[in-house]
C-alpha atoms as a PDB file:
ATOM      1  CA  MET A   1     114.049 180.882 142.628  1.00  0.00           C
ATOM      2  CA  SER A   2     111.778 183.445 140.965  1.00  0.00           C
ATOM      3  CA  GLU A   3     107.987 183.162 140.927  1.00  0.00           C
ATOM      4  CA  SER A   4     107.921 182.297 137.190  1.00  0.00           C
ATOM      5  CA  GLU A   5     110.304 179.381 137.798  1.00  0.00           C
ATOM      6  CA  ASN A   6     107.719 177.817 140.117  1.00  0.00           C
ATOM      7  CA  LYS A   7     104.902 178.036 137.587  1.00  0.00           C
ATOM      8  CA  ILE A   8     103.904 175.157 135.344  1.00  0.00           C
ATOM      9  CA  ARG A   9     104.619 176.241 131.759  1.00  0.00           C
ATOM     10  CA  VAL A  10     101.789 175.385 129.367  1.00  0.00           C
ATOM     11  CA  LEU A  11     101.713 175.791 125.603  1.00  0.00           C
ATOM     12  CA  VAL A  12      98.147 175.794 124.249  1.00  0.00           C
ATOM     13  CA  VAL A  13      97.717 175.068 120.533  1.00  0.00           C
ATOM     14  CA  ASP A  14      94.267 175.782 119.095  1.00  0.00           C
ATOM     15  CA  ASP A  15      93.015 177.502 115.937  1.00  0.00           C
ATOM     16  CA  ASP A  16      90.067 179.061 117.806  1.00  0.00           C
ATOM     17  CA  VAL A  17      91.155 182.512 119.036  1.00  0.00           C
ATOM     18  CA  ASP A  18      88.296 182.736 121.551  1.00  0.00           C
ATOM     19  CA  GLN A  19      89.244 179.355 123.009  1.00  0.00           C
ATOM     20  CA  LEU A  20      92.888 180.447 123.280  1.00  0.00           C
ATOM     21  CA  MET A  21      91.949 183.661 125.099  1.00  0.00           C
ATOM     22  CA  LEU A  22      89.650 181.777 127.485  1.00  0.00           C
ATOM     23  CA  LEU A  23      92.302 179.167 128.284  1.00  0.00           C
ATOM     24  CA  GLU A  24      94.993 181.781 128.729  1.00  0.00           C
ATOM     25  CA  ARG A  25      92.853 183.790 131.181  1.00  0.00           C
ATOM     26  CA  THR A  26      91.714 180.706 133.058  1.00  0.00           C
ATOM     27  CA  LEU A  27      95.109 179.081 133.396  1.00  0.00           C
ATOM     28  CA  ASN A  28      96.831 182.355 134.323  1.00  0.00           C
ATOM     29  CA  ALA A  29      94.254 182.761 137.104  1.00  0.00           C
ATOM     30  CA  TYR A  30      95.295 179.347 138.476  1.00  0.00           C
ATOM     31  CA  GLY A  31      98.989 180.219 138.446  1.00  0.00           C
ATOM     32  CA  PHE A  32     100.150 178.673 135.176  1.00  0.00           C
ATOM     33  CA  GLU A  33     102.576 180.389 132.817  1.00  0.00           C
ATOM     34  CA  VAL A  34     100.692 180.239 129.505  1.00  0.00           C
ATOM     35  CA  ARG A  35     101.834 180.608 125.930  1.00  0.00           C
ATOM     36  CA  THR A  36      99.403 180.215 123.032  1.00  0.00           C
ATOM     37  CA  HIS A  37      99.799 179.293 119.371  1.00  0.00           C
ATOM     38  CA  ARG A  38      97.067 179.434 116.681  1.00  0.00           C
ATOM     39  CA  SER A  39      98.416 176.937 114.164  1.00  0.00           C
ATOM     40  CA  SER A  40      99.729 173.423 113.989  1.00  0.00           C
ATOM     41  CA  LEU A  41     102.585 174.796 111.898  1.00  0.00           C
ATOM     42  CA  GLY A  42     105.666 175.762 113.873  1.00  0.00           C
ATOM     43  CA  VAL A  43     104.722 173.872 117.039  1.00  0.00           C
ATOM     44  CA  SER A  44     107.851 171.687 116.961  1.00  0.00           C
ATOM     45  CA  ASN A  45     110.106 174.734 116.825  1.00  0.00           C
ATOM     46  CA  LEU A  46     108.129 176.505 119.550  1.00  0.00           C
ATOM     47  CA  VAL A  47     108.284 173.450 121.831  1.00  0.00           C
ATOM     48  CA  ARG A  48     112.045 173.191 121.330  1.00  0.00           C
ATOM     49  CA  HIS A  49     112.643 176.846 122.272  1.00  0.00           C
ATOM     50  CA  ALA A  50     109.913 177.495 124.886  1.00  0.00           C
ATOM     51  CA  MET A  51     110.454 174.154 126.665  1.00  0.00           C
ATOM     52  CA  PRO A  52     106.926 173.923 128.133  1.00  0.00           C
ATOM     53  CA  ASP A  53     106.088 171.440 130.872  1.00  0.00           C
ATOM     54  CA  LEU A  54     102.743 170.684 129.205  1.00  0.00           C
ATOM     55  CA  VAL A  55     101.434 171.071 125.657  1.00  0.00           C
ATOM     56  CA  LEU A  56      97.651 171.186 125.312  1.00  0.00           C
ATOM     57  CA  LEU A  57      96.879 170.291 121.680  1.00  0.00           C
ATOM     58  CA  ASP A  58      93.553 170.788 119.981  1.00  0.00           C
ATOM     59  CA  VAL A  59      92.816 167.617 118.011  1.00  0.00           C
ATOM     60  CA  ASN A  60      90.765 169.274 115.259  1.00  0.00           C
ATOM     61  CA  ILE A  61      93.146 171.896 113.958  1.00  0.00           C
ATOM     62  CA  PRO A  62      93.604 172.687 110.234  1.00  0.00           C
ATOM     63  CA  ALA A  63      96.733 171.676 108.321  1.00  0.00           C
ATOM     64  CA  LEU A  64      97.895 169.032 110.793  1.00  0.00           C
ATOM     65  CA  SER A  65      95.719 167.362 113.420  1.00  0.00           C
ATOM     66  CA  GLY A  66      96.792 167.457 117.060  1.00  0.00           C
ATOM     67  CA  ASP A  67      97.794 163.802 117.126  1.00  0.00           C
ATOM     68  CA  ARG A  68     100.115 164.333 114.146  1.00  0.00           C
ATOM     69  CA  VAL A  69     101.552 167.512 115.638  1.00  0.00           C
ATOM     70  CA  LEU A  70     102.236 165.500 118.789  1.00  0.00           C
ATOM     71  CA  SER A  71     104.382 162.932 116.986  1.00  0.00           C
ATOM     72  CA  LEU A  72     106.430 165.654 115.259  1.00  0.00           C
ATOM     73  CA  ALA A  73     106.773 167.947 118.282  1.00  0.00           C
ATOM     74  CA  ARG A  74     107.673 165.180 120.733  1.00  0.00           C
ATOM     75  CA  ASN A  75     110.936 164.649 118.816  1.00  0.00           C
ATOM     76  CA  GLN A  76     111.890 168.288 119.476  1.00  0.00           C
ATOM     77  CA  ALA A  77     110.628 168.565 123.051  1.00  0.00           C
ATOM     78  CA  PRO A  78     112.546 168.020 126.268  1.00  0.00           C
ATOM     79  CA  ALA A  79     111.946 164.517 127.663  1.00  0.00           C
ATOM     80  CA  THR A  80     109.949 166.010 130.531  1.00  0.00           C
ATOM     81  CA  THR A  81     107.369 167.759 128.303  1.00  0.00           C
ATOM     82  CA  ARG A  82     103.928 166.142 128.475  1.00  0.00           C
ATOM     83  CA  PHE A  83     101.483 166.265 125.577  1.00  0.00           C
ATOM     84  CA  ILE A  84      97.739 166.345 126.196  1.00  0.00           C
ATOM     85  CA  LEU A  85      95.121 166.069 123.470  1.00  0.00           C
ATOM     86  CA  TYR A  86      92.245 168.514 123.883  1.00  0.00           C
ATOM     87  CA  SER A  87      88.974 168.232 122.018  1.00  0.00           C
ATOM     88  CA  ALA A  88      85.209 168.628 122.045  1.00  0.00           C
ATOM     89  CA  SER A  89      85.008 165.146 120.467  1.00  0.00           C
ATOM     90  CA  ASP A  90      83.309 162.243 122.179  1.00  0.00           C
ATOM     91  CA  GLU A  91      85.429 161.319 125.207  1.00  0.00           C
ATOM     92  CA  SER A  92      85.786 157.646 124.244  1.00  0.00           C
ATOM     93  CA  LYS A  93      87.119 158.675 120.804  1.00  0.00           C
ATOM     94  CA  LEU A  94      89.462 161.167 122.422  1.00  0.00           C
ATOM     95  CA  ARG A  95      90.755 158.531 124.849  1.00  0.00           C
ATOM     96  CA  ALA A  96      91.377 156.080 121.986  1.00  0.00           C
ATOM     97  CA  LEU A  97      93.187 158.741 119.941  1.00  0.00           C
ATOM     98  CA  ALA A  98      95.334 159.685 122.935  1.00  0.00           C
ATOM     99  CA  LEU A  99      96.344 156.050 123.432  1.00  0.00           C
ATOM    100  CA  ALA A 100      97.004 155.490 119.721  1.00  0.00           C
ATOM    101  CA  SER A 101      99.092 158.659 119.357  1.00  0.00           C
ATOM    102  CA  GLY A 102     101.140 158.209 122.528  1.00  0.00           C
ATOM    103  CA  ALA A 103      99.736 161.302 124.246  1.00  0.00           C
ATOM    104  CA  ASP A 104     100.378 161.644 127.962  1.00  0.00           C
ATOM    105  CA  GLY A 105      96.724 162.416 128.542  1.00  0.00           C
ATOM    106  CA  TYR A 106      93.544 163.856 127.135  1.00  0.00           C
ATOM    107  CA  ILE A 107      91.072 166.461 128.314  1.00  0.00           C
ATOM    108  CA  SER A 108      87.631 167.226 126.969  1.00  0.00           C
ATOM    109  CA  LYS A 109      86.946 170.875 126.107  1.00  0.00           C
ATOM    110  CA  SER A 110      83.953 170.627 128.418  1.00  0.00           C
ATOM    111  CA  THR A 111      86.456 170.513 131.312  1.00  0.00           C
ATOM    112  CA  GLN A 112      86.972 174.110 132.365  1.00  0.00           C
ATOM    113  CA  GLY A 113      88.059 176.351 135.212  1.00  0.00           C
ATOM    114  CA  GLU A 114      89.301 174.696 138.371  1.00  0.00           C
ATOM    115  CA  ALA A 115      88.658 171.175 137.011  1.00  0.00           C
ATOM    116  CA  LEU A 116      90.912 171.892 134.018  1.00  0.00           C
ATOM    117  CA  ALA A 117      93.640 173.315 136.252  1.00  0.00           C
ATOM    118  CA  ARG A 118      93.451 170.237 138.535  1.00  0.00           C
ATOM    119  CA  ARG A 119      93.740 167.845 135.555  1.00  0.00           C
ATOM    120  CA  LEU A 120      96.775 169.674 134.203  1.00  0.00           C
ATOM    121  CA  ILE A 121      98.431 169.734 137.628  1.00  0.00           C
ATOM    122  CA  SER A 122      97.735 166.006 138.007  1.00  0.00           C
ATOM    123  CA  ILE A 123      99.349 165.192 134.646  1.00  0.00           C
ATOM    124  CA  TYR A 124     102.297 167.435 135.510  1.00  0.00           C
ATOM    125  CA  LYS A 125     102.808 165.805 138.922  1.00  0.00           C
ATOM    126  CA  LYS A 126     102.655 162.297 137.405  1.00  0.00           C
ATOM    127  CA  SER A 127     105.476 163.303 135.055  1.00  0.00           C
ATOM    128  CA  LYS A 128     107.631 164.168 138.064  1.00  0.00           C
ATOM    129  CA  LEU A 129     107.265 160.772 139.754  1.00  0.00           C
ATOM    130  CA  PRO A 130     110.115 158.279 139.534  1.00  0.00           C
ATOM    131  CA  ALA A 131     109.599 155.777 136.684  1.00  0.00           C
ATOM    132  CA  ALA A 132     108.636 152.882 138.955  1.00  0.00           C
ATOM    133  CA  ALA A 133     106.061 154.948 140.842  1.00  0.00           C
ATOM    134  CA  SER A 134     104.476 156.386 137.687  1.00  0.00           C
ATOM    135  CA  THR A 135     103.897 152.963 136.123  1.00  0.00           C
ATOM    136  CA  SER A 136     102.276 151.629 139.273  1.00  0.00           C
ATOM    137  CA  ALA A 137     100.068 154.738 139.534  1.00  0.00           C
ATOM    138  CA  GLN A 138      98.399 154.093 136.184  1.00  0.00           C
END
């Protein structure tokens, strides 16, 4: 198995170019394979072809909000792809939106560096648990 096959594949969707560059650098440093996208448009197609393990979606993105992108993209994604809402919004609002939209998790934009990498790895590992174990772990 090659090194890239062992990496967790993450698609980051955010309209803020600086945020995308920061996330790409950070996550690459922690061993993730990162792909970025600057628009909510085309995410479904990208998810279908890139087959990421995780999709980190900015909630406040023009054209289509992250929670709406999630519902469209999930239909095109492999069953194992996990969608995480990502926002600078109040954490309680973000949690409620994640629950309402069926996201697999949420992360505040204030979570950075190693803490961000650990959260993503945790969400990824939960997705790999057998169904019975993952429901009891929540």
